[in-house]
PDB file of N, CA and C in Angstrom:
ATOM      1  N   MET A   1       0.595  -1.455  -0.469  1.00  0.00           N
ATOM      2  CA  MET A   1       0.218   0.347   0.030  1.00  0.00           C
ATOM      3  C   MET A   1       1.036   1.475  -0.160  1.00  0.00           C
ATOM      4  N   THR A   2       0.357   2.251  -1.112  1.00  0.00           N
ATOM      5  CA  THR A   2       1.582   3.088  -0.671  1.00  0.00           C
ATOM      6  C   THR A   2       0.579   4.636  -0.189  1.00  0.00           C
ATOM      7  N   LEU A   3       1.742   5.384   0.681  1.00  0.00           N
ATOM      8  CA  LEU A   3       1.100   6.359   1.320  1.00  0.00           C
ATOM      9  C   LEU A   3       1.374   7.150   1.066  1.00  0.00           C
ATOM     10  N   ILE A   4       0.749   8.766   0.777  1.00  0.00           N
ATOM     11  CA  ILE A   4       1.692   9.555  -0.452  1.00  0.00           C
ATOM     12  C   ILE A   4       1.191  10.657   0.870  1.00  0.00           C
ATOM     13  N   GLU A   5       2.345  10.664   1.627  1.00  0.00           N
ATOM     14  CA  GLU A   5       3.705  11.524   2.876  1.00  0.00           C
ATOM     15  C   GLU A   5       3.751  12.971   2.115  1.00  0.00           C
ATOM     16  N   TYR A   6       4.459  12.800   1.037  1.00  0.00           N
ATOM     17  CA  TYR A   6       5.279  14.200   0.575  1.00  0.00           C
ATOM     18  C   TYR A   6       5.071  14.336  -1.658  1.00  0.00           C
ATOM     19  N   ASN A   7       5.048  15.572  -1.489  1.00  0.00           N
ATOM     20  CA  ASN A   7       5.525  15.926  -3.205  1.00  0.00           C
ATOM     21  C   ASN A   7       6.043  16.583  -3.311  1.00  0.00           C
ATOM     22  N   SER A   8       7.052  16.070  -3.670  1.00  0.00           N
ATOM     23  CA  SER A   8       8.668  17.020  -4.423  1.00  0.00           C
ATOM     24  C   SER A   8       9.279  17.553  -2.594  1.00  0.00           C
ATOM     25  N   GLY A   9       9.195  17.144  -2.110  1.00  0.00           N
ATOM     26  CA  GLY A   9       9.777  17.269  -0.488  1.00  0.00           C
ATOM     27  C   GLY A   9       8.777  17.648  -0.072  1.00  0.00           C
ATOM     28  N   HIS A  10       8.028  18.044  -0.298  1.00  0.00           N
ATOM     29  CA  HIS A  10       6.842  19.420   0.648  1.00  0.00           C
ATOM     30  C   HIS A  10       5.606  18.195   1.435  1.00  0.00           C
ATOM     31  N   LYS A  11       5.602  18.127   2.556  1.00  0.00           N
ATOM     32  CA  LYS A  11       4.727  17.852   3.113  1.00  0.00           C
ATOM     33  C   LYS A  11       2.984  17.532   2.442  1.00  0.00           C
ATOM     34  N   ILE A  12       2.308  17.003   2.606  1.00  0.00           N
ATOM     35  CA  ILE A  12       1.231  17.435   1.806  1.00  0.00           C
ATOM     36  C   ILE A  12      -0.083  18.110   2.935  1.00  0.00           C
ATOM     37  N   THR A  13      -1.304  18.544   2.355  1.00  0.00           N
ATOM     38  CA  THR A  13      -1.062  19.352   3.737  1.00  0.00           C
ATOM     39  C   THR A  13      -2.444  20.275   3.108  1.00  0.00           C
ATOM     40  N   ASN A  14      -3.633  19.461   4.207  1.00  0.00           N
ATOM     41  CA  ASN A  14      -5.071  19.884   3.402  1.00  0.00           C
ATOM     42  C   ASN A  14      -5.164  20.662   1.839  1.00  0.00           C
ATOM     43  N   VAL A  15      -5.305  18.987   1.494  1.00  0.00           N
ATOM     44  CA  VAL A  15      -5.773  18.915  -0.236  1.00  0.00           C
ATOM     45  C   VAL A  15      -7.202  17.970  -0.515  1.00  0.00           C
ATOM     46  N   LEU A  16      -7.470  17.759   1.028  1.00  0.00           N
ATOM     47  CA  LEU A  16      -9.079  16.920   0.805  1.00  0.00           C
ATOM     48  C   LEU A  16     -10.161  17.826   0.395  1.00  0.00           C
ATOM     49  N   PRO A  17     -11.059  18.126  -0.208  1.00  0.00           N
ATOM     50  CA  PRO A  17     -11.816  19.430  -0.251  1.00  0.00           C
ATOM     51  C   PRO A  17     -12.659  18.548   1.273  1.00  0.00           C
ATOM     52  N   GLU A  18     -13.186  19.532   2.123  1.00  0.00           N
ATOM     53  CA  GLU A  18     -13.437  18.592   3.097  1.00  0.00           C
ATOM     54  C   GLU A  18     -15.119  18.456   3.510  1.00  0.00           C
ATOM     55  N   ARG A  19     -15.773  18.112   2.331  1.00  0.00           N
ATOM     56  CA  ARG A  19     -17.465  18.645   1.996  1.00  0.00           C
ATOM     57  C   ARG A  19     -17.811  17.106   1.459  1.00  0.00           C
ATOM     58  N   CYS A  20     -15.946  16.056   0.915  1.00  0.00           N
ATOM     59  CA  CYS A  20     -16.318  14.751   0.780  1.00  0.00           C
ATOM     60  C   CYS A  20     -15.998  14.391   2.150  1.00  0.00           C
ATOM     61  N   TRP A  21     -15.961  14.213   3.436  1.00  0.00           N
ATOM     62  CA  TRP A  21     -15.534  13.491   4.112  1.00  0.00           C
ATOM     63  C   TRP A  21     -16.805  12.724   3.941  1.00  0.00           C
ATOM     64  N   ARG A  22     -16.558  11.554   4.633  1.00  0.00           N
ATOM     65  CA  ARG A  22     -17.765  10.497   4.776  1.00  0.00           C
ATOM     66  C   ARG A  22     -17.456   9.639   6.068  1.00  0.00           C
ATOM     67  N   THR A  23     -18.990   8.799   6.988  1.00  0.00           N
ATOM     68  CA  THR A  23     -17.854   8.513   7.463  1.00  0.00           C
ATOM     69  C   THR A  23     -18.841   6.529   7.354  1.00  0.00           C
ATOM     70  N   SER A  24     -17.780   5.837   7.606  1.00  0.00           N
ATOM     71  CA  SER A  24     -18.264   4.836   7.791  1.00  0.00           C
ATOM     72  C   SER A  24     -19.259   3.947   8.464  1.00  0.00           C
ATOM     73  N   THR A  25     -20.283   3.330   7.051  1.00  0.00           N
ATOM     74  CA  THR A  25     -21.376   2.365   7.435  1.00  0.00           C
ATOM     75  C   THR A  25     -21.044   1.947   8.535  1.00  0.00           C
ATOM     76  N   ARG A  26     -20.205   1.031   9.152  1.00  0.00           N
ATOM     77  CA  ARG A  26     -19.604   0.587   9.906  1.00  0.00           C
ATOM     78  C   ARG A  26     -19.787   0.914  11.358  1.00  0.00           C
ATOM     79  N   CYS A  27     -19.940   2.568  11.531  1.00  0.00           N
ATOM     80  CA  CYS A  27     -19.163   3.674  12.578  1.00  0.00           C
ATOM     81  C   CYS A  27     -20.678   2.353  13.703  1.00  0.00           C
ATOM     82  N   VAL A  28     -20.385   2.602  14.804  1.00  0.00           N
ATOM     83  CA  VAL A  28     -20.688   2.926  15.966  1.00  0.00           C
ATOM     84  C   VAL A  28     -20.973   4.019  16.998  1.00  0.00           C
ATOM     85  N   PRO A  29     -21.951   3.896  17.500  1.00  0.00           N
ATOM     86  CA  PRO A  29     -22.802   4.831  18.605  1.00  0.00           C
ATOM     87  C   PRO A  29     -21.737   5.712  19.648  1.00  0.00           C
ATOM     88  N   ASN A  30     -20.666   4.735  19.775  1.00  0.00           N
ATOM     89  CA  ASN A  30     -19.819   5.670  20.514  1.00  0.00           C
ATOM     90  C   ASN A  30     -18.613   6.383  19.932  1.00  0.00           C
ATOM     91  N   GLY A  31     -18.692   6.539  18.685  1.00  0.00           N
ATOM     92  CA  GLY A  31     -18.187   7.528  18.165  1.00  0.00           C
ATOM     93  C   GLY A  31     -16.428   6.746  16.703  1.00  0.00           C
ATOM     94  N   ASN A  32     -16.341   5.634  17.252  1.00  0.00           N
ATOM     95  CA  ASN A  32     -15.651   4.901  16.973  1.00  0.00           C
ATOM     96  C   ASN A  32     -15.389   4.851  15.382  1.00  0.00           C
ATOM     97  N   CYS A  33     -15.315   6.003  14.610  1.00  0.00           N
ATOM     98  CA  CYS A  33     -15.585   5.575  12.986  1.00  0.00           C
ATOM     99  C   CYS A  33     -14.249   6.408  12.738  1.00  0.00           C
ATOM    100  N   ALA A  34     -14.321   5.960  11.338  1.00  0.00           N
ATOM    101  CA  ALA A  34     -13.314   5.673  10.248  1.00  0.00           C
ATOM    102  C   ALA A  34     -14.237   7.059   9.014  1.00  0.00           C
ATOM    103  N   GLU A  35     -13.866   7.879   8.690  1.00  0.00           N
ATOM    104  CA  GLU A  35     -14.327   8.714   8.041  1.00  0.00           C
ATOM    105  C   GLU A  35     -13.012   8.639   6.120  1.00  0.00           C
ATOM    106  N   ILE A  36     -13.748   8.391   4.709  1.00  0.00           N
ATOM    107  CA  ILE A  36     -13.537   8.484   3.696  1.00  0.00           C
ATOM    108  C   ILE A  36     -13.202   9.893   2.844  1.00  0.00           C
ATOM    109  N   ASN A  37     -12.461   9.934   2.011  1.00  0.00           N
ATOM    110  CA  ASN A  37     -12.894  10.483   1.267  1.00  0.00           C
ATOM    111  C   ASN A  37     -12.347  10.501   0.171  1.00  0.00           C
ATOM    112  N   ARG A  38     -13.247  10.224  -0.708  1.00  0.00           N
ATOM    113  CA  ARG A  38     -13.135  10.443  -2.240  1.00  0.00           C
ATOM    114  C   ARG A  38     -12.288  11.292  -3.585  1.00  0.00           C
ATOM    115  N   GLY A  39     -12.449  13.098  -2.686  1.00  0.00           N
ATOM    116  CA  GLY A  39     -13.259  13.947  -3.504  1.00  0.00           C
ATOM    117  C   GLY A  39     -12.148  14.453  -3.929  1.00  0.00           C
ATOM    118  N   ARG A  40     -11.433  13.776  -4.848  1.00  0.00           N
ATOM    119  CA  ARG A  40     -10.056  14.125  -5.658  1.00  0.00           C
ATOM    120  C   ARG A  40      -9.920  12.351  -6.351  1.00  0.00           C
ATOM    121  N   SER A  41      -9.949  12.689  -7.423  1.00  0.00           N
ATOM    122  CA  SER A  41      -9.442  11.787  -8.338  1.00  0.00           C
ATOM    123  C   SER A  41      -7.866  10.615  -8.296  1.00  0.00           C
ATOM    124  N   ASP A  42      -7.009  11.513  -7.844  1.00  0.00           N
ATOM    125  CA  ASP A  42      -5.563  11.067  -7.136  1.00  0.00           C
ATOM    126  C   ASP A  42      -5.035  10.981  -5.792  1.00  0.00           C
ATOM    127  N   ARG A  43      -6.106  10.311  -5.525  1.00  0.00           N
ATOM    128  CA  ARG A  43      -5.842  10.439  -3.554  1.00  0.00           C
ATOM    129  C   ARG A  43      -7.311   9.902  -2.404  1.00  0.00           C
ATOM    130  N   VAL A  44      -6.811   8.890  -1.595  1.00  0.00           N
ATOM    131  CA  VAL A  44      -7.809   8.587  -1.137  1.00  0.00           C
ATOM    132  C   VAL A  44      -7.890   8.792   0.169  1.00  0.00           C
ATOM    133  N   GLY A  45      -8.424   9.623   0.926  1.00  0.00           N
ATOM    134  CA  GLY A  45      -8.195   9.775   2.306  1.00  0.00           C
ATOM    135  C   GLY A  45      -9.382   8.816   3.625  1.00  0.00           C
ATOM    136  N   VAL A  46      -8.123   9.450   4.572  1.00  0.00           N
ATOM    137  CA  VAL A  46      -8.865   8.233   5.194  1.00  0.00           C
ATOM    138  C   VAL A  46      -8.833   9.025   6.858  1.00  0.00           C
ATOM    139  N   ARG A  47      -9.630   9.096   7.611  1.00  0.00           N
ATOM    140  CA  ARG A  47      -9.133   9.902   9.082  1.00  0.00           C
ATOM    141  C   ARG A  47     -10.010   9.417   9.825  1.00  0.00           C
ATOM    142  N   ASP A  48      -9.408   9.076  11.798  1.00  0.00           N
ATOM    143  CA  ASP A  48     -10.317   8.586  13.228  1.00  0.00           C
ATOM    144  C   ASP A  48     -11.200  10.499  12.926  1.00  0.00           C
ATOM    145  N   SER A  49     -12.879   9.747  12.563  1.00  0.00           N
ATOM    146  CA  SER A  49     -14.312  10.636  12.893  1.00  0.00           C
ATOM    147  C   SER A  49     -13.727  11.795  14.836  1.00  0.00           C
ATOM    148  N   LYS A  50     -12.110  11.560  15.233  1.00  0.00           N
ATOM    149  CA  LYS A  50     -12.480  12.314  16.461  1.00  0.00           C
ATOM    150  C   LYS A  50     -11.456  12.889  16.498  1.00  0.00           C
ATOM    151  N   HIS A  51     -10.729  12.254  15.798  1.00  0.00           N
ATOM    152  CA  HIS A  51      -9.580  13.788  14.885  1.00  0.00           C
ATOM    153  C   HIS A  51      -9.730  13.742  13.863  1.00  0.00           C
ATOM    154  N   PRO A  52     -10.778  14.367  13.085  1.00  0.00           N
ATOM    155  CA  PRO A  52     -10.207  15.716  11.743  1.00  0.00           C
ATOM    156  C   PRO A  52      -9.780  16.318  11.806  1.00  0.00           C
ATOM    157  N   VAL A  53      -8.634  16.246  11.884  1.00  0.00           N
ATOM    158  CA  VAL A  53      -7.349  17.327  11.432  1.00  0.00           C
ATOM    159  C   VAL A  53      -5.887  16.786  10.115  1.00  0.00           C
ATOM    160  N   ALA A  54      -5.672  17.795   9.500  1.00  0.00           N
ATOM    161  CA  ALA A  54      -5.073  17.242   8.243  1.00  0.00           C
ATOM    162  C   ALA A  54      -4.159  16.169   8.773  1.00  0.00           C
ATOM    163  N   ALA A  55      -3.522  16.593   9.774  1.00  0.00           N
ATOM    164  CA  ALA A  55      -2.157  16.144  10.507  1.00  0.00           C
ATOM    165  C   ALA A  55      -2.261  14.468  10.110  1.00  0.00           C
ATOM    166  N   SER A  56      -4.068  14.184  10.809  1.00  0.00           N
ATOM    167  CA  SER A  56      -3.559  12.691  10.993  1.00  0.00           C
ATOM    168  C   SER A  56      -4.582  12.070   9.855  1.00  0.00           C
ATOM    169  N   THR A  57      -4.613  12.792   8.767  1.00  0.00           N
ATOM    170  CA  THR A  57      -5.109  12.084   7.277  1.00  0.00           C
ATOM    171  C   THR A  57      -3.781  11.193   6.525  1.00  0.00           C
ATOM    172  N   LEU A  58      -4.225  10.043   6.478  1.00  0.00           N
ATOM    173  CA  LEU A  58      -4.009   9.362   5.607  1.00  0.00           C
ATOM    174  C   LEU A  58      -4.284   8.920   4.445  1.00  0.00           C
ATOM    175  N   GLN A  59      -2.720   9.269   3.097  1.00  0.00           N
ATOM    176  CA  GLN A  59      -3.879   9.648   1.902  1.00  0.00           C
ATOM    177  C   GLN A  59      -2.958   8.514   1.051  1.00  0.00           C
ATOM    178  N   PHE A  60      -4.101   7.513   0.459  1.00  0.00           N
ATOM    179  CA  PHE A  60      -3.378   6.999  -0.400  1.00  0.00           C
ATOM    180  C   PHE A  60      -3.597   7.139  -2.623  1.00  0.00           C
ATOM    181  N   ARG A  61      -2.912   6.293  -2.589  1.00  0.00           N
ATOM    182  CA  ARG A  61      -3.160   6.763  -4.221  1.00  0.00           C
ATOM    183  C   ARG A  61      -5.125   5.555  -4.484  1.00  0.00           C
ATOM    184  N   PRO A  62      -5.374   5.710  -5.355  1.00  0.00           N
ATOM    185  CA  PRO A  62      -6.666   4.639  -5.553  1.00  0.00           C
ATOM    186  C   PRO A  62      -6.701   3.624  -5.565  1.00  0.00           C
ATOM    187  N   SER A  63      -5.347   2.848  -6.397  1.00  0.00           N
ATOM    188  CA  SER A  63      -5.187   1.991  -6.927  1.00  0.00           C
ATOM    189  C   SER A  63      -4.219   0.890  -5.402  1.00  0.00           C
ATOM    190  N   ALA A  64      -3.742   1.844  -4.488  1.00  0.00           N
ATOM    191  CA  ALA A  64      -3.757   0.641  -3.097  1.00  0.00           C
ATOM    192  C   ALA A  64      -4.458   1.208  -2.699  1.00  0.00           C
ATOM    193  N   TRP A  65      -5.745   1.831  -2.645  1.00  0.00           N
ATOM    194  CA  TRP A  65      -7.219   1.802  -1.466  1.00  0.00           C
ATOM    195  C   TRP A  65      -7.609   0.569  -2.946  1.00  0.00           C
ATOM    196  N   THR A  66      -8.149   0.366  -3.589  1.00  0.00           N
ATOM    197  CA  THR A  66      -8.881  -0.730  -4.007  1.00  0.00           C
ATOM    198  C   THR A  66      -8.029  -1.677  -3.545  1.00  0.00           C
ATOM    199  N   ARG A  67      -6.796  -2.000  -3.493  1.00  0.00           N
ATOM    200  CA  ARG A  67      -5.741  -3.644  -3.118  1.00  0.00           C
ATOM    201  C   ARG A  67      -6.508  -3.486  -1.697  1.00  0.00           C
ATOM    202  N   PHE A  68      -6.423  -2.804  -1.119  1.00  0.00           N
ATOM    203  CA  PHE A  68      -6.639  -2.831   0.616  1.00  0.00           C
ATOM    204  C   PHE A  68      -7.870  -2.904   0.449  1.00  0.00           C
ATOM    205  N   LEU A  69      -8.907  -2.221   0.057  1.00  0.00           N
ATOM    206  CA  LEU A  69     -10.485  -3.275   0.025  1.00  0.00           C
ATOM    207  C   LEU A  69     -10.862  -4.988  -0.588  1.00  0.00           C
ATOM    208  N   ASP A  70     -10.146  -5.267  -1.118  1.00  0.00           N
ATOM    209  CA  ASP A  70      -9.787  -6.371  -1.550  1.00  0.00           C
ATOM    210  C   ASP A  70      -9.507  -7.228  -0.836  1.00  0.00           C
ATOM    211  N   GLN A  71      -9.018  -7.253  -0.261  1.00  0.00           N
ATOM    212  CA  GLN A  71      -7.987  -8.048   0.684  1.00  0.00           C
ATOM    213  C   GLN A  71      -9.052  -8.312   2.147  1.00  0.00           C
ATOM    214  N   LEU A  72      -9.350  -7.058   1.946  1.00  0.00           N
ATOM    215  CA  LEU A  72     -10.549  -7.021   3.267  1.00  0.00           C
ATOM    216  C   LEU A  72     -12.005  -7.948   3.296  1.00  0.00           C
ATOM    217  N   THR A  73     -12.131  -7.872   1.702  1.00  0.00           N
ATOM    218  CA  THR A  73     -13.441  -8.290   1.163  1.00  0.00           C
ATOM    219  C   THR A  73     -12.946  -9.658   0.185  1.00  0.00           C
ATOM    220  N   GLY A  74     -11.915 -10.279   0.675  1.00  0.00           N
ATOM    221  CA  GLY A  74     -11.134 -11.310   0.233  1.00  0.00           C
ATOM    222  C   GLY A  74     -11.174 -12.405  -0.596  1.00  0.00           C
TER     223      GLY A  74
END
């Protein structure tokens, strides 16, 4: 899986549209949720709903995200 962390030596920050975050359908009532952002064609963002700040967002290439989901569903 490829984590996109830096671009040309500069850390990527605030690159995913805020309006595009979606909460997981497996979210539990106590708020332990993952949020997914597919607002850009070149990356998928994943964050904890309790800590929705750019510094705690993981970003993946769409192909890596698809492989990850394929592994989960087996």
